[in-house]
C-alpha cells in the first residue's frame, strides 16, 4: 500500500481522504521535526507532506529513496531543492489559490492595525490607563483615498489590491511583468520599484523568496519611502533586511510596519519586540479554518493524482514532465 508521512498534523479532511488510498503516518509531535527524526521517518515512504519549516534537500532525497511526490503544505516552496527533486524524478506540489483570500485579508488586518495603532491602544486599555476620550489620543493614519503600493502581483497581491477598491485608493504595483487584466479591473498602474516606494502611503509585499528577491527591501529602499508610510510583509521574511527595518522604525524613516514573516523564522530581530510602531504576528497568513482545511484536501488530491497515474494538479517542477 502507498505509504505517506505527514511531518506535522494538518486538518483531518485531507487525511481522511488519503486514508482511503494510503497508509498514513502523522508525526506525533506538535513541533518541527529534527533533521534526524525526519530522515528516519521518510525512509520507506512513497509520499511526504511537508511544511515550510522542513528542509527538502539532497540529504532528504537520499533518505527517501522510494518517494514519488513531496506535497508542500504551503503556497511557497523555497524550502525545497527543486533541481534535486527534478533530477530524481520526484514531483513537487504546493497549495496555491486556496489560501489567497485568507492571506490577502491578513495583510489588510496588519495594515489597519499598524495605521490605527490597534495593538498599542489595546495594551493601553489592558493596563488600565484609559481616562476617557481625548482629542490627541492614539492618532493614527487614515486609509481612504491614499496610495497603495503592491510589490508582487501574483494571486495574493492581486487579491489584496482588489480589496482596496472600497477605500478609493490609488494603486501602484511592481511585478516581473505588467498585468493588463489586473490594471483594467482595479485601475492599478505598473511602476518601477523606486517610484512605488517614493509615492506610496502603504507598501505591501507579496513576493516569493528567490535569489533576486532576498533583501530586495534594504536600507536604501526604506529611505526612499515617505516618513509617513507603512510597510506590510506577508510574503517572505528575507525579502526585507530585518536589521535595516529595525533602524528605519527606530529612526522614523517610516511610520510603522506590520509583519507576519521574518528573516530567520522563528527567530527575529529582538529590537522589533521593543518597538511600538510595529505589529508582529506569528506567520498566520493562511490561518483560517477554511483555508487550512482546503490546503489539506489539496495536498491529499495531489498525492492521489500520483497514485492513480495522473500528473498532480498543482505541480511546481514542471520540467519533470520532460523526463517522463
Protein backbone atom coordinates (compact mmCIF):
# COMPACT_ATOMS: atom_id res chain seq x y z
CA UNK A 1 0.00 0.00 0.00
CA UNK A 2 1.19 3.54 -0.80
CA UNK A 3 2.84 4.97 2.31
CA UNK A 4 2.53 8.64 3.25
CA UNK A 5 4.27 10.54 6.03
CA UNK A 6 2.94 13.88 7.26
CA UNK A 7 5.58 15.92 9.06
CA UNK A 8 3.07 17.77 11.24
CA UNK A 9 -0.65 17.40 11.93
CA UNK A 10 -2.94 19.06 9.38
CA UNK A 11 -6.76 19.28 9.26
CA UNK A 12 -8.46 15.89 9.19
CA UNK A 13 -10.37 16.44 5.94
CA UNK A 14 -7.26 15.82 3.85
CA UNK A 15 -6.05 12.94 5.99
CA UNK A 16 -9.42 11.19 5.79
CA UNK A 17 -9.32 11.46 2.02
CA UNK A 18 -5.82 9.98 1.92
CA UNK A 19 -6.65 7.07 4.20
CA UNK A 20 -8.99 5.70 1.53
CA UNK A 21 -5.95 5.17 -0.69
CA UNK A 22 -2.89 5.08 1.55
CA UNK A 23 -1.28 4.09 4.77
CA UNK A 24 -0.88 7.45 6.51
CA UNK A 25 1.51 8.23 9.35
CA UNK A 26 1.35 11.65 11.01
CA UNK A 27 4.14 12.98 13.20
CA UNK A 28 3.03 12.74 16.84
CA UNK A 29 4.89 15.94 17.73
CA UNK A 30 3.39 19.43 17.56
CA UNK A 31 6.73 20.88 16.54
CA UNK A 32 9.21 20.88 13.70
CA UNK A 33 10.99 17.55 13.48
CA UNK A 34 14.72 17.44 13.89
CA UNK A 35 16.61 16.53 10.74
CA UNK A 36 17.42 13.12 12.19
CA UNK A 37 13.78 12.42 13.05
CA UNK A 38 12.61 13.49 9.59
CA UNK A 39 15.18 11.40 7.73
CA UNK A 40 14.30 8.34 9.78
CA UNK A 41 10.55 8.70 9.17
CA UNK A 42 10.74 9.08 5.39
CA UNK A 43 12.95 6.07 4.64
CA UNK A 44 10.18 3.77 3.41
CA UNK A 45 7.62 6.38 2.31
CA UNK A 46 6.18 6.89 -1.16
CA UNK A 47 4.95 10.41 -0.41
CA UNK A 48 5.69 13.09 2.17
CA UNK A 49 3.52 16.04 3.15
CA UNK A 50 5.95 18.73 4.23
CA UNK A 51 5.76 22.16 5.85
CA UNK A 52 7.75 25.30 5.02
CA UNK A 53 9.88 24.52 8.05
CA UNK A 54 11.04 21.17 6.59
CA UNK A 55 14.25 21.28 4.58
CA UNK A 56 13.83 19.10 1.49
CA UNK A 57 17.33 18.79 0.08
CA UNK A 58 19.75 16.22 -1.29
CA UNK A 59 20.04 14.52 2.08
CA UNK A 60 16.24 14.27 2.26
CA UNK A 61 16.03 12.58 -1.14
CA UNK A 62 18.90 10.22 -0.36
CA UNK A 63 16.98 9.04 2.70
CA UNK A 64 13.61 8.84 0.94
CA UNK A 65 14.63 6.55 -1.92
CA UNK A 66 11.03 5.45 -2.60
CA UNK A 67 9.45 8.90 -2.56
CA UNK A 68 7.46 9.83 -5.65
CA UNK A 69 5.92 13.10 -4.52
CA UNK A 70 6.60 15.77 -1.91
CA UNK A 71 3.39 17.73 -1.31
CA UNK A 72 4.29 21.01 0.36
CA UNK A 73 1.55 22.29 2.68
CA UNK A 74 2.11 25.91 1.60
CA UNK A 75 1.97 28.07 -1.47
CA UNK A 76 5.71 28.80 -1.16
CA UNK A 77 8.36 26.16 -1.80
CA UNK A 78 11.68 27.85 -1.06
CA UNK A 79 12.34 25.07 1.47
CA UNK A 80 12.71 22.57 -1.38
CA UNK A 81 15.63 21.92 -3.73
CA UNK A 82 13.62 21.75 -6.96
CA UNK A 83 16.61 20.91 -9.11
CA UNK A 84 17.47 17.90 -6.96
CA UNK A 85 13.83 16.75 -6.94
CA UNK A 86 13.54 17.01 -10.71
CA UNK A 87 16.82 15.19 -11.23
CA UNK A 88 15.49 12.32 -9.12
CA UNK A 89 12.08 12.27 -10.81
CA UNK A 90 10.15 13.41 -7.73
CA UNK A 91 7.02 15.52 -8.13
CA UNK A 92 6.86 18.68 -6.02
CA UNK A 93 3.48 20.31 -5.40
CA UNK A 94 2.18 23.28 -3.41
CA UNK A 95 -1.19 24.72 -2.37
CA UNK A 96 -1.94 27.84 -4.44
CA UNK A 97 -5.34 29.53 -4.74
CA UNK A 98 -6.94 28.04 -1.62
CA UNK A 99 -5.13 30.43 0.74
CA UNK A 100 -5.21 33.52 -1.47
CA UNK A 101 -8.04 35.41 0.22
CA UNK A 102 -7.00 34.39 3.73
CA UNK A 103 -3.51 35.83 3.26
CA UNK A 104 -4.76 38.96 1.49
CA UNK A 105 -7.21 39.57 4.33
CA UNK A 106 -4.46 39.22 6.92
CA UNK A 107 -2.35 41.78 5.07
CA UNK A 108 -5.27 44.20 5.44
CA UNK A 109 -5.56 43.32 9.13
CA UNK A 110 -1.90 44.24 9.58
CA UNK A 111 -2.33 47.42 7.54
CA UNK A 112 -5.20 48.66 9.67
CA UNK A 113 -3.60 47.56 12.93
CA UNK A 114 -0.41 49.47 12.11
CA UNK A 115 -2.19 52.51 10.66
CA UNK A 116 -4.63 52.91 13.55
CA UNK A 117 -2.23 51.78 16.31
CA UNK A 118 -4.58 49.00 17.37
CA UNK A 119 -2.05 46.94 19.33
CA UNK A 120 -0.71 49.97 21.20
CA UNK A 121 -4.25 51.03 22.12
CA UNK A 122 -5.18 47.53 23.24
CA UNK A 123 -2.16 47.40 25.59
CA UNK A 124 -3.10 50.82 26.91
CA UNK A 125 -6.62 49.65 27.75
CA UNK A 126 -5.47 46.43 29.39
CA UNK A 127 -3.01 48.38 31.53
CA UNK A 128 -5.91 50.42 32.96
CA UNK A 129 -4.57 53.71 31.59
CA UNK A 130 -7.72 54.88 29.80
CA UNK A 131 -9.11 58.00 31.48
CA UNK A 132 -11.68 58.88 28.83
CA UNK A 133 -11.81 60.28 25.30
CA UNK A 134 -9.07 62.75 24.38
CA UNK A 135 -8.60 64.65 21.11
CA UNK A 136 -4.95 63.64 20.67
CA UNK A 137 -5.16 60.07 21.98
CA UNK A 138 -3.58 57.48 19.65
CA UNK A 139 -3.75 59.47 16.45
CA UNK A 140 -3.02 57.21 13.51
CA UNK A 141 -3.08 57.25 9.72
CA UNK A 142 -6.19 57.26 7.57
CA UNK A 143 -6.52 54.77 4.72
CA UNK A 144 -9.28 56.01 2.40
CA UNK A 145 -8.02 57.84 -0.68
CA UNK A 146 -4.35 57.07 -0.02
CA UNK A 147 -1.82 55.45 -2.37
CA UNK A 148 -1.27 51.72 -2.03
CA UNK A 149 1.91 50.14 -3.36
CA UNK A 150 1.83 46.39 -4.05
CA UNK A 151 5.12 44.58 -4.58
CA UNK A 152 4.39 41.30 -6.32
CA UNK A 153 1.18 40.92 -8.32
CA UNK A 154 0.58 37.20 -8.16
CA UNK A 155 -2.65 35.70 -6.87
CA UNK A 156 -2.33 37.10 -3.36
CA UNK A 157 -1.00 40.50 -4.38
CA UNK A 158 -3.83 40.97 -6.85
CA UNK A 159 -6.47 39.82 -4.35
CA UNK A 160 -5.05 42.24 -1.78
CA UNK A 161 -5.16 45.14 -4.25
CA UNK A 162 -8.72 44.34 -5.33
CA UNK A 163 -9.81 44.71 -1.71
CA UNK A 164 -8.58 48.33 -1.80
CA UNK A 165 -11.29 49.38 -4.23
CA UNK A 166 -13.73 50.05 -1.40
CA UNK A 167 -11.28 52.55 0.07
CA UNK A 168 -10.92 54.54 -3.15
CA UNK A 169 -7.18 54.07 -3.11
CA UNK A 170 -4.75 54.78 -5.92
CA UNK A 171 -2.95 51.51 -6.63
CA UNK A 172 0.65 51.24 -7.80
CA UNK A 173 2.26 47.87 -8.37
CA UNK A 174 5.57 46.33 -9.29
CA UNK A 175 5.96 42.85 -10.73
CA UNK A 176 8.15 40.96 -13.19
CA UNK A 177 5.72 41.84 -16.00
CA UNK A 178 2.71 44.16 -16.34
CA UNK A 179 -0.74 42.63 -15.72
CA UNK A 180 -3.20 44.26 -18.15
CA UNK A 181 -6.31 42.48 -16.85
CA UNK A 182 -5.43 43.39 -13.27
CA UNK A 183 -4.93 47.01 -14.33
CA UNK A 184 -8.27 47.05 -16.13
CA UNK A 185 -10.10 45.65 -13.10
CA UNK A 186 -8.50 47.84 -10.43
CA UNK A 187 -7.07 50.88 -12.20
CA UNK A 188 -3.66 49.86 -10.90
CA UNK A 189 -0.58 51.42 -12.50
CA UNK A 190 2.61 49.47 -13.22
CA UNK A 191 5.70 51.38 -11.97
CA UNK A 192 9.32 50.63 -11.15
CA UNK A 193 10.15 49.75 -7.57
CA UNK A 194 11.74 53.09 -6.68
CA UNK A 195 8.70 55.01 -7.87
CA UNK A 196 6.39 52.75 -5.90
CA UNK A 197 8.40 53.23 -2.71
CA UNK A 198 8.60 57.00 -3.10
CA UNK A 199 4.92 57.58 -3.86
CA UNK A 200 3.06 55.01 -1.73
CA UNK A 201 1.49 55.64 1.66
CA UNK A 202 1.26 51.89 2.26
CA UNK A 203 3.64 49.32 0.78
CA UNK A 204 2.63 45.66 0.90
CA UNK A 205 4.98 42.81 -0.04
CA UNK A 206 3.58 39.69 -1.74
CA UNK A 207 6.70 38.08 -3.20
CA UNK A 208 8.14 34.57 -3.10
CA UNK A 209 11.71 34.18 -1.90
CA UNK A 210 14.22 33.86 -4.74
CA UNK A 211 17.87 34.92 -5.07
CA UNK A 212 16.59 38.08 -6.76
CA UNK A 213 14.09 38.99 -4.02
CA UNK A 214 16.31 38.34 -0.99
CA UNK A 215 16.87 41.71 0.75
CA UNK A 216 15.01 43.45 -2.05
CA UNK A 217 13.95 45.94 0.62
CA UNK A 218 17.04 47.18 2.45
CA UNK A 219 18.33 50.43 3.87
CA UNK A 220 18.37 52.21 0.52
CA UNK A 221 14.78 51.23 -0.29
CA UNK A 222 13.45 52.08 3.18
CA UNK A 223 14.98 55.54 2.92
CA UNK A 224 13.09 56.08 -0.35
CA UNK A 225 9.77 55.63 1.45
CA UNK A 226 7.79 58.50 2.95
CA UNK A 227 8.36 59.00 6.68
CA UNK A 228 4.58 58.68 6.98
CA UNK A 229 4.49 55.34 5.10
CA UNK A 230 3.68 51.89 6.47
CA UNK A 231 5.35 48.67 5.30
CA UNK A 232 3.44 45.36 5.35
CA UNK A 233 5.06 41.98 4.74
CA UNK A 234 3.03 38.78 4.41
CA UNK A 235 5.24 37.37 1.65
CA UNK A 236 8.61 36.04 2.77
CA UNK A 237 10.70 37.41 5.62
CA UNK A 238 14.09 37.54 3.88
CA UNK A 239 12.69 39.87 1.22
CA UNK A 240 13.26 42.57 3.87
CA UNK A 241 16.61 43.23 5.52
CA UNK A 242 15.39 43.00 9.10
CA UNK A 243 18.29 44.89 10.65
CA UNK A 244 17.66 47.76 8.25
CA UNK A 245 13.95 47.67 9.09
CA UNK A 246 14.69 47.99 12.80
CA UNK A 247 16.81 51.04 12.07
CA UNK A 248 14.10 52.52 9.85
CA UNK A 249 11.45 52.10 12.56
CA UNK A 250 13.67 53.41 15.37
CA UNK A 251 14.86 56.43 13.44
CA UNK A 252 11.41 57.12 11.95
CA UNK A 253 12.38 56.76 8.30
CA UNK A 254 8.93 55.17 8.02
CA UNK A 255 5.89 55.44 10.26
CA UNK A 256 5.23 51.78 11.06
CA UNK A 257 5.37 48.18 9.87
CA UNK A 258 3.14 45.12 10.03
CA UNK A 259 4.90 41.75 9.81
CA UNK A 260 3.71 38.16 9.53
CA UNK A 261 7.03 36.76 8.29
CA UNK A 262 10.64 37.12 9.44
CA UNK A 263 14.11 36.79 8.03
CA UNK A 264 15.19 33.85 10.20
CA UNK A 265 11.96 32.28 11.40
CA UNK A 266 11.11 31.52 14.12
CA UNK A 267 13.80 33.96 15.27
CA UNK A 268 13.55 37.70 14.61
CA UNK A 269 15.49 40.84 15.44
CA UNK A 270 14.77 41.25 19.15
CA UNK A 271 14.58 45.03 18.93
CA UNK A 272 11.39 44.66 16.88
CA UNK A 273 9.58 43.47 20.00
CA UNK A 274 10.62 46.63 21.85
CA UNK A 275 9.10 48.99 19.28
CA UNK A 276 5.54 50.31 19.46
CA UNK A 277 5.41 51.12 15.75
CA UNK A 278 5.48 47.52 14.53
CA UNK A 279 2.73 44.88 14.65
CA UNK A 280 4.09 41.33 14.75
CA UNK A 281 2.19 38.13 14.00
CA UNK A 282 3.48 34.51 14.08
CA UNK A 283 3.18 33.63 10.35
CA UNK A 284 -0.59 33.13 10.33
CA UNK A 285 -1.36 34.46 6.86
CA UNK A 286 -3.32 31.38 5.81
CA UNK A 287 -4.63 30.57 9.28
CA UNK A 288 -8.35 30.46 8.70
CA UNK A 289 -10.27 27.25 9.27
CA UNK A 290 -11.43 27.29 5.67
CA UNK A 291 -8.02 27.89 4.08
CA UNK A 292 -6.16 25.32 6.17
CA UNK A 293 -8.90 22.74 5.52
CA UNK A 294 -8.72 23.35 1.77
CA UNK A 295 -4.92 23.16 1.87
CA UNK A 296 -5.13 19.72 3.49
CA UNK A 297 -7.55 18.50 0.83
CA UNK A 298 -5.33 19.84 -1.97
CA UNK A 299 -2.16 18.11 -0.75
CA UNK A 300 -4.18 14.88 -0.49
CA UNK A 301 -5.55 15.30 -4.02
CA UNK A 302 -2.06 15.81 -5.39
CA UNK A 303 -0.90 12.56 -3.84
CA UNK A 304 -3.98 10.70 -5.07
CA UNK A 305 -3.30 12.02 -8.57
CA UNK A 306 0.11 10.32 -8.47
CA UNK A 307 -1.32 7.09 -7.09
CA UNK A 308 -3.81 6.98 -9.95
CA UNK A 309 -1.21 7.73 -12.60
CA UNK A 310 -2.02 11.38 -13.25
CA UNK A 311 0.19 14.43 -13.19
CA UNK A 312 -0.50 16.17 -9.84
CA UNK A 313 -2.76 19.17 -10.26
CA UNK A 314 -0.51 21.80 -8.68
CA UNK A 315 2.84 20.56 -9.94
CA UNK A 316 5.67 23.02 -9.28
CA UNK A 317 8.66 21.40 -11.03
CA UNK A 318 7.04 21.10 -14.45
CA UNK A 319 10.40 20.30 -16.06
CA UNK A 320 9.98 16.83 -14.66
CA UNK A 321 7.41 16.12 -17.37
CA UNK A 322 10.17 16.30 -19.98
CA UNK A 323 11.90 13.43 -18.24
CA UNK A 324 8.94 11.05 -18.34
